[in-house]
Amino acid sequence: MTTFAPKGYLRDEAGRFIPIGTIHDIDLMRDKLVRDLIGCAKEHSLALAEFKRAAFDDIAAFAQISAEQYGARVGGTEGNLTLYSYDRRYKIQRAIAKTIAFGEQLQAAKALIDECIHDWSEGSQEEAKVLLNAAFQTDQKGNVNTARILDLRRHKFRHPKWQKAMQAINDAIITLGSKSYVRLYERSPDGEYHPISLDVAVA
């Protein structure tokens, strides 16, 4: 399908070329407004994409320079870090958010944890059962809460089945992908840092 209409025509949603002289003025004005704003938005979108790429490159380069003071090498752009201006008025955060899921090993972890609950003394059994079963609750789509599952690893119980369960959780983790963020902040007179928005929806 031809993207651009011949001179003197506009293409409608069905792909037909409509003579401009037959189109109402208000429709022509609306079309021009939308196209002008979309064109401007695309330019800004490209500029933001370039800013993000340059920001990550510059932050990674600075992190390497800083590490070299100690004879260390850091590779790539992985890892969260925060940089401050000398007067602490500004800060920049590089954040890497990973999207994860769990494999079939999670079922083994749940079974081992259930065995732990059964083995523990009667006095602590109910409290532990409520705590641990809550971690495996699913939402309406049948998905477990990732944060609650991972949070179980903070508990350093010595029961051998618990330790096997934690290993099963580790083995169950599947990284689906990651998203990288650069967040910029400015400190106000009250000492609080407020984000410098790059999102048109909240600017």
C-alpha atoms as a PDB file:
ATOM      1  CA  MET A   1       0.000   0.000   0.000  1.00  0.00           C
ATOM      2  CA  THR A   2       1.269   3.465  -0.912  1.00  0.00           C
ATOM      3  CA  THR A   3       2.136   5.418   2.212  1.00  0.00           C
ATOM      4  CA  PHE A   4       1.998   8.921   0.761  1.00  0.00           C
ATOM      5  CA  ALA A   5      -0.931  10.306  -1.147  1.00  0.00           C
ATOM      6  CA  PRO A   6      -0.418  12.129  -4.484  1.00  0.00           C
ATOM      7  CA  LYS A   7      -0.392  15.911  -4.375  1.00  0.00           C
ATOM      8  CA  GLY A   8      -3.886  17.276  -3.788  1.00  0.00           C
ATOM      9  CA  TYR A   9      -5.124  14.124  -2.049  1.00  0.00           C
ATOM     10  CA  LEU A  10      -5.245  12.570   1.424  1.00  0.00           C
ATOM     11  CA  ARG A  11      -5.371   8.832   2.011  1.00  0.00           C
ATOM     12  CA  ASP A  12      -8.229   7.677   4.246  1.00  0.00           C
ATOM     13  CA  GLU A  13      -8.252   4.707   6.625  1.00  0.00           C
ATOM     14  CA  ALA A  14      -9.369   2.377   3.831  1.00  0.00           C
ATOM     15  CA  GLY A  15      -6.383   3.395   1.701  1.00  0.00           C
ATOM     16  CA  ARG A  16      -8.408   5.417  -0.776  1.00  0.00           C
ATOM     17  CA  PHE A  17      -7.100   8.744  -2.084  1.00  0.00           C
ATOM     18  CA  ILE A  18      -9.577  11.532  -1.311  1.00  0.00           C
ATOM     19  CA  PRO A  19      -9.328  14.923  -3.075  1.00  0.00           C
ATOM     20  CA  ILE A  20      -8.440  17.589  -0.515  1.00  0.00           C
ATOM     21  CA  GLY A  21     -11.098  19.895  -1.995  1.00  0.00           C
ATOM     22  CA  THR A  22     -13.807  17.471  -0.837  1.00  0.00           C
ATOM     23  CA  ILE A  23     -12.572  17.269   2.758  1.00  0.00           C
ATOM     24  CA  HIS A  24     -13.969  19.565   5.464  1.00  0.00           C
ATOM     25  CA  ASP A  25     -11.606  22.278   6.727  1.00  0.00           C
ATOM     26  CA  ILE A  26     -11.859  21.076  10.309  1.00  0.00           C
ATOM     27  CA  ASP A  27     -10.765  17.590   9.213  1.00  0.00           C
ATOM     28  CA  LEU A  28      -7.791  19.073   7.378  1.00  0.00           C
ATOM     29  CA  MET A  29      -6.849  21.142  10.435  1.00  0.00           C
ATOM     30  CA  ARG A  30      -7.102  18.071  12.666  1.00  0.00           C
ATOM     31  CA  ASP A  31      -4.947  16.035  10.290  1.00  0.00           C
ATOM     32  CA  LYS A  32      -2.264  18.740  10.197  1.00  0.00           C
ATOM     33  CA  LEU A  33      -2.247  19.126  13.999  1.00  0.00           C
ATOM     34  CA  VAL A  34      -1.855  15.388  14.554  1.00  0.00           C
ATOM     35  CA  ARG A  35       0.881  15.021  11.949  1.00  0.00           C
ATOM     36  CA  ASP A  36       2.823  18.043  13.250  1.00  0.00           C
ATOM     37  CA  LEU A  37       2.721  16.805  16.855  1.00  0.00           C
ATOM     38  CA  ILE A  38       3.608  13.229  15.878  1.00  0.00           C
ATOM     39  CA  GLY A  39       6.546  14.479  13.811  1.00  0.00           C
ATOM     40  CA  CYS A  40       7.791  16.556  16.725  1.00  0.00           C
ATOM     41  CA  ALA A  41       7.300  13.627  19.115  1.00  0.00           C
ATOM     42  CA  LYS A  42       9.332  11.306  16.873  1.00  0.00           C
ATOM     43  CA  GLU A  43      12.208  13.798  16.865  1.00  0.00           C
ATOM     44  CA  HIS A  44      12.152  14.007  20.656  1.00  0.00           C
ATOM     45  CA  SER A  45      11.871  10.219  20.929  1.00  0.00           C
ATOM     46  CA  LEU A  46      15.010   9.785  18.838  1.00  0.00           C
ATOM     47  CA  ALA A  47      16.797  12.420  20.922  1.00  0.00           C
ATOM     48  CA  LEU A  48      15.823  10.651  24.157  1.00  0.00           C
ATOM     49  CA  ALA A  49      17.006   7.307  22.781  1.00  0.00           C
ATOM     50  CA  GLU A  50      20.346   8.890  21.884  1.00  0.00           C
ATOM     51  CA  PHE A  51      20.566  10.504  25.327  1.00  0.00           C
ATOM     52  CA  LYS A  52      19.961   7.160  27.032  1.00  0.00           C
ATOM     53  CA  ARG A  53      22.592   5.410  24.926  1.00  0.00           C
ATOM     54  CA  ALA A  54      25.142   8.170  25.547  1.00  0.00           C
ATOM     55  CA  ALA A  55      24.316   8.272  29.270  1.00  0.00           C
ATOM     56  CA  PHE A  56      24.910   4.527  29.682  1.00  0.00           C
ATOM     57  CA  ASP A  57      28.151   4.718  27.720  1.00  0.00           C
ATOM     58  CA  ASP A  58      29.405   7.667  29.762  1.00  0.00           C
ATOM     59  CA  ILE A  59      28.443   6.087  33.092  1.00  0.00           C
ATOM     60  CA  ALA A  60      30.126   2.796  32.140  1.00  0.00           C
ATOM     61  CA  ALA A  61      33.269   4.660  31.070  1.00  0.00           C
ATOM     62  CA  PHE A  62      33.366   6.605  34.341  1.00  0.00           C
ATOM     63  CA  ALA A  63      32.852   3.436  36.397  1.00  0.00           C
ATOM     64  CA  GLN A  64      35.842   1.893  34.612  1.00  0.00           C
ATOM     65  CA  ILE A  65      38.014   4.952  35.254  1.00  0.00           C
ATOM     66  CA  SER A  66      37.050   4.873  38.928  1.00  0.00           C
ATOM     67  CA  ALA A  67      37.757   1.138  39.211  1.00  0.00           C
ATOM     68  CA  GLU A  68      41.168   1.514  37.621  1.00  0.00           C
ATOM     69  CA  GLN A  69      42.286   3.537  40.645  1.00  0.00           C
ATOM     70  CA  TYR A  70      42.251   0.220  42.493  1.00  0.00           C
ATOM     71  CA  GLY A  71      43.671  -1.870  39.679  1.00  0.00           C
ATOM     72  CA  ALA A  72      40.296  -3.411  38.915  1.00  0.00           C
ATOM     73  CA  ARG A  73      38.371  -3.793  35.700  1.00  0.00           C
ATOM     74  CA  VAL A  74      34.611  -3.674  35.412  1.00  0.00           C
ATOM     75  CA  GLY A  75      32.973  -4.726  32.186  1.00  0.00           C
ATOM     76  CA  GLY A  76      29.793  -3.695  30.446  1.00  0.00           C
ATOM     77  CA  THR A  77      26.859  -1.747  31.814  1.00  0.00           C
ATOM     78  CA  GLU A  78      25.572  -4.296  34.324  1.00  0.00           C
ATOM     79  CA  GLY A  79      24.914  -3.376  37.924  1.00  0.00           C
ATOM     80  CA  ASN A  80      23.078  -0.601  39.718  1.00  0.00           C
ATOM     81  CA  LEU A  81      24.995   2.460  40.830  1.00  0.00           C
ATOM     82  CA  THR A  82      24.406   6.051  41.928  1.00  0.00           C
ATOM     83  CA  LEU A  83      26.517   9.072  41.036  1.00  0.00           C
ATOM     84  CA  TYR A  84      26.359  12.446  42.804  1.00  0.00           C
ATOM     85  CA  SER A  85      27.491  15.895  41.811  1.00  0.00           C
ATOM     86  CA  TYR A  86      30.176  17.335  44.104  1.00  0.00           C
ATOM     87  CA  ASP A  87      27.650  19.507  45.953  1.00  0.00           C
ATOM     88  CA  ARG A  88      25.154  16.592  46.161  1.00  0.00           C
ATOM     89  CA  ARG A  89      22.535  18.714  44.433  1.00  0.00           C
ATOM     90  CA  TYR A  90      22.157  16.225  41.611  1.00  0.00           C
ATOM     91  CA  LYS A  91      22.265  12.455  41.450  1.00  0.00           C
ATOM     92  CA  ILE A  92      22.011   9.942  38.643  1.00  0.00           C
ATOM     93  CA  GLN A  93      21.015   6.326  39.112  1.00  0.00           C
ATOM     94  CA  ARG A  94      21.712   3.541  36.680  1.00  0.00           C
ATOM     95  CA  ALA A  95      19.318   0.690  37.295  1.00  0.00           C
ATOM     96  CA  ILE A  96      19.045  -2.718  35.663  1.00  0.00           C
ATOM     97  CA  ALA A  97      15.679  -4.409  36.224  1.00  0.00           C
ATOM     98  CA  LYS A  98      15.589  -8.083  35.282  1.00  0.00           C
ATOM     99  CA  THR A  99      12.423  -9.955  34.382  1.00  0.00           C
ATOM    100  CA  ILE A 100      12.502 -13.473  35.770  1.00  0.00           C
ATOM    101  CA  ALA A 101      10.305 -16.554  35.887  1.00  0.00           C
ATOM    102  CA  PHE A 102      10.613 -19.919  37.612  1.00  0.00           C
ATOM    103  CA  GLY A 103      11.131 -23.350  36.141  1.00  0.00           C
ATOM    104  CA  GLU A 104       9.772 -26.684  37.331  1.00  0.00           C
ATOM    105  CA  GLN A 105      12.326 -26.767  40.162  1.00  0.00           C
ATOM    106  CA  LEU A 106      10.022 -24.433  42.084  1.00  0.00           C
ATOM    107  CA  GLN A 107       7.631 -27.349  42.634  1.00  0.00           C
ATOM    108  CA  ALA A 108      10.440 -29.295  44.272  1.00  0.00           C
ATOM    109  CA  ALA A 109      11.247 -26.287  46.470  1.00  0.00           C
ATOM    110  CA  LYS A 110       7.618 -26.074  47.603  1.00  0.00           C
ATOM    111  CA  ALA A 111       7.537 -29.800  48.421  1.00  0.00           C
ATOM    112  CA  LEU A 112      10.763 -29.560  50.433  1.00  0.00           C
ATOM    113  CA  ILE A 113       9.473 -26.551  52.338  1.00  0.00           C
ATOM    114  CA  ASP A 114       6.275 -28.435  53.166  1.00  0.00           C
ATOM    115  CA  GLU A 115       8.426 -31.239  54.562  1.00  0.00           C
ATOM    116  CA  CYS A 116      10.343 -28.704  56.650  1.00  0.00           C
ATOM    117  CA  ILE A 117       7.107 -27.399  58.120  1.00  0.00           C
ATOM    118  CA  HIS A 118       6.085 -30.954  59.011  1.00  0.00           C
ATOM    119  CA  ASP A 119       9.462 -31.684  60.624  1.00  0.00           C
ATOM    120  CA  TRP A 120       9.587 -28.559  62.729  1.00  0.00           C
ATOM    121  CA  SER A 121       8.225 -28.540  66.251  1.00  0.00           C
ATOM    122  CA  GLU A 122       4.467 -28.306  66.680  1.00  0.00           C
ATOM    123  CA  GLY A 123       4.738 -24.943  68.446  1.00  0.00           C
ATOM    124  CA  SER A 124       6.227 -23.132  65.467  1.00  0.00           C
ATOM    125  CA  GLN A 125       4.532 -25.158  62.756  1.00  0.00           C
ATOM    126  CA  GLU A 126       1.418 -23.029  62.220  1.00  0.00           C
ATOM    127  CA  GLU A 127       3.296 -19.704  62.186  1.00  0.00           C
ATOM    128  CA  ALA A 128       5.867 -21.036  59.736  1.00  0.00           C
ATOM    129  CA  LYS A 129       3.174 -22.595  57.562  1.00  0.00           C
ATOM    130  CA  VAL A 130       1.300 -19.303  57.214  1.00  0.00           C
ATOM    131  CA  LEU A 131       4.535 -17.452  56.392  1.00  0.00           C
ATOM    132  CA  LEU A 132       5.790 -19.906  53.805  1.00  0.00           C
ATOM    133  CA  ASN A 133       2.477 -20.744  52.148  1.00  0.00           C
ATOM    134  CA  ALA A 134       1.868 -17.013  51.639  1.00  0.00           C
ATOM    135  CA  ALA A 135       5.043 -16.874  49.567  1.00  0.00           C
ATOM    136  CA  PHE A 136       3.611 -19.451  47.135  1.00  0.00           C
ATOM    137  CA  GLN A 137       0.185 -17.859  46.707  1.00  0.00           C
ATOM    138  CA  THR A 138      -0.716 -17.243  43.072  1.00  0.00           C
ATOM    139  CA  ASP A 139      -2.575 -14.392  41.427  1.00  0.00           C
ATOM    140  CA  GLN A 140      -5.646 -14.718  39.205  1.00  0.00           C
ATOM    141  CA  LYS A 141      -3.438 -15.775  36.298  1.00  0.00           C
ATOM    142  CA  GLY A 142      -1.789 -18.511  38.336  1.00  0.00           C
ATOM    143  CA  ASN A 143       1.542 -16.703  38.709  1.00  0.00           C
ATOM    144  CA  VAL A 144       3.498 -16.612  41.944  1.00  0.00           C
ATOM    145  CA  ASN A 145       4.850 -13.383  43.385  1.00  0.00           C
ATOM    146  CA  THR A 146       8.494 -13.314  42.330  1.00  0.00           C
ATOM    147  CA  ALA A 147       9.607 -10.999  45.124  1.00  0.00           C
ATOM    148  CA  ARG A 148       8.027 -13.155  47.851  1.00  0.00           C
ATOM    149  CA  ILE A 149       9.657 -16.311  46.497  1.00  0.00           C
ATOM    150  CA  LEU A 150      13.099 -14.711  46.285  1.00  0.00           C
ATOM    151  CA  ASP A 151      12.647 -13.210  49.733  1.00  0.00           C
ATOM    152  CA  LEU A 152      12.548 -16.723  51.213  1.00  0.00           C
ATOM    153  CA  ARG A 153      16.290 -16.974  50.590  1.00  0.00           C
ATOM    154  CA  ARG A 154      16.911 -14.386  53.307  1.00  0.00           C
ATOM    155  CA  HIS A 155      15.913 -16.912  55.971  1.00  0.00           C
ATOM    156  CA  LYS A 156      18.980 -18.892  57.075  1.00  0.00           C
ATOM    157  CA  PHE A 157      17.273 -21.976  58.503  1.00  0.00           C
ATOM    158  CA  ARG A 158      19.687 -24.865  59.084  1.00  0.00           C
ATOM    159  CA  HIS A 159      17.262 -27.638  58.239  1.00  0.00           C
ATOM    160  CA  PRO A 160      18.889 -29.610  55.369  1.00  0.00           C
ATOM    161  CA  LYS A 161      15.611 -29.762  53.460  1.00  0.00           C
ATOM    162  CA  TRP A 162      15.304 -25.989  53.725  1.00  0.00           C
ATOM    163  CA  GLN A 163      18.774 -25.562  52.279  1.00  0.00           C
ATOM    164  CA  LYS A 164      17.897 -27.926  49.425  1.00  0.00           C
ATOM    165  CA  ALA A 165      14.708 -25.947  48.844  1.00  0.00           C
ATOM    166  CA  MET A 166      16.679 -22.716  48.566  1.00  0.00           C
ATOM    167  CA  GLN A 167      19.020 -24.371  46.067  1.00  0.00           C
ATOM    168  CA  ALA A 168      15.984 -25.511  44.080  1.00  0.00           C
ATOM    169  CA  ILE A 169      14.703 -21.913  44.007  1.00  0.00           C
ATOM    170  CA  ASN A 170      18.080 -20.712  42.759  1.00  0.00           C
ATOM    171  CA  ASP A 171      18.080 -23.385  40.055  1.00  0.00           C
ATOM    172  CA  ALA A 172      14.493 -22.515  39.096  1.00  0.00           C
ATOM    173  CA  ILE A 173      15.275 -18.891  38.254  1.00  0.00           C
ATOM    174  CA  ILE A 174      15.009 -18.135  34.535  1.00  0.00           C
ATOM    175  CA  THR A 175      16.051 -14.686  33.331  1.00  0.00           C
ATOM    176  CA  LEU A 176      13.683 -13.626  30.558  1.00  0.00           C
ATOM    177  CA  GLY A 177      15.314 -10.284  29.885  1.00  0.00           C
ATOM    178  CA  SER A 178      16.267  -7.009  31.445  1.00  0.00           C
ATOM    179  CA  LYS A 179      15.467  -3.331  31.097  1.00  0.00           C
ATOM    180  CA  SER A 180      17.928  -0.548  31.738  1.00  0.00           C
ATOM    181  CA  TYR A 181      17.009   2.768  33.287  1.00  0.00           C
ATOM    182  CA  VAL A 182      18.749   6.068  33.887  1.00  0.00           C
ATOM    183  CA  ARG A 183      17.049   8.179  36.534  1.00  0.00           C
ATOM    184  CA  LEU A 184      18.033  11.770  37.232  1.00  0.00           C
ATOM    185  CA  TYR A 185      17.269  13.729  40.402  1.00  0.00           C
ATOM    186  CA  GLU A 186      17.655  17.247  41.770  1.00  0.00           C
ATOM    187  CA  ARG A 187      17.675  18.004  45.476  1.00  0.00           C
ATOM    188  CA  SER A 188      15.260  20.657  46.687  1.00  0.00           C
ATOM    189  CA  PRO A 189      15.947  23.043  49.612  1.00  0.00           C
ATOM    190  CA  ASP A 190      14.182  20.620  51.981  1.00  0.00           C
ATOM    191  CA  GLY A 191      16.857  18.000  51.229  1.00  0.00           C
ATOM    192  CA  GLU A 192      14.588  15.656  49.252  1.00  0.00           C
ATOM    193  CA  TYR A 193      15.596  14.411  45.815  1.00  0.00           C
ATOM    194  CA  HIS A 194      12.959  14.889  43.142  1.00  0.00           C
ATOM    195  CA  PRO A 195      13.055  13.163  39.743  1.00  0.00           C
ATOM    196  CA  ILE A 196      13.811  15.140  36.598  1.00  0.00           C
ATOM    197  CA  SER A 197      11.116  13.692  34.364  1.00  0.00           C
ATOM    198  CA  LEU A 198      11.855  12.546  30.840  1.00  0.00           C
ATOM    199  CA  ASP A 199       8.321  11.148  30.485  1.00  0.00           C
ATOM    200  CA  VAL A 200       5.881  13.449  28.696  1.00  0.00           C
ATOM    201  CA  ALA A 201       3.010  11.873  30.639  1.00  0.00           C
ATOM    202  CA  VAL A 202       4.327  13.146  33.976  1.00  0.00           C
ATOM    203  CA  ALA A 203       6.378  16.163  32.955  1.00  0.00           C
END
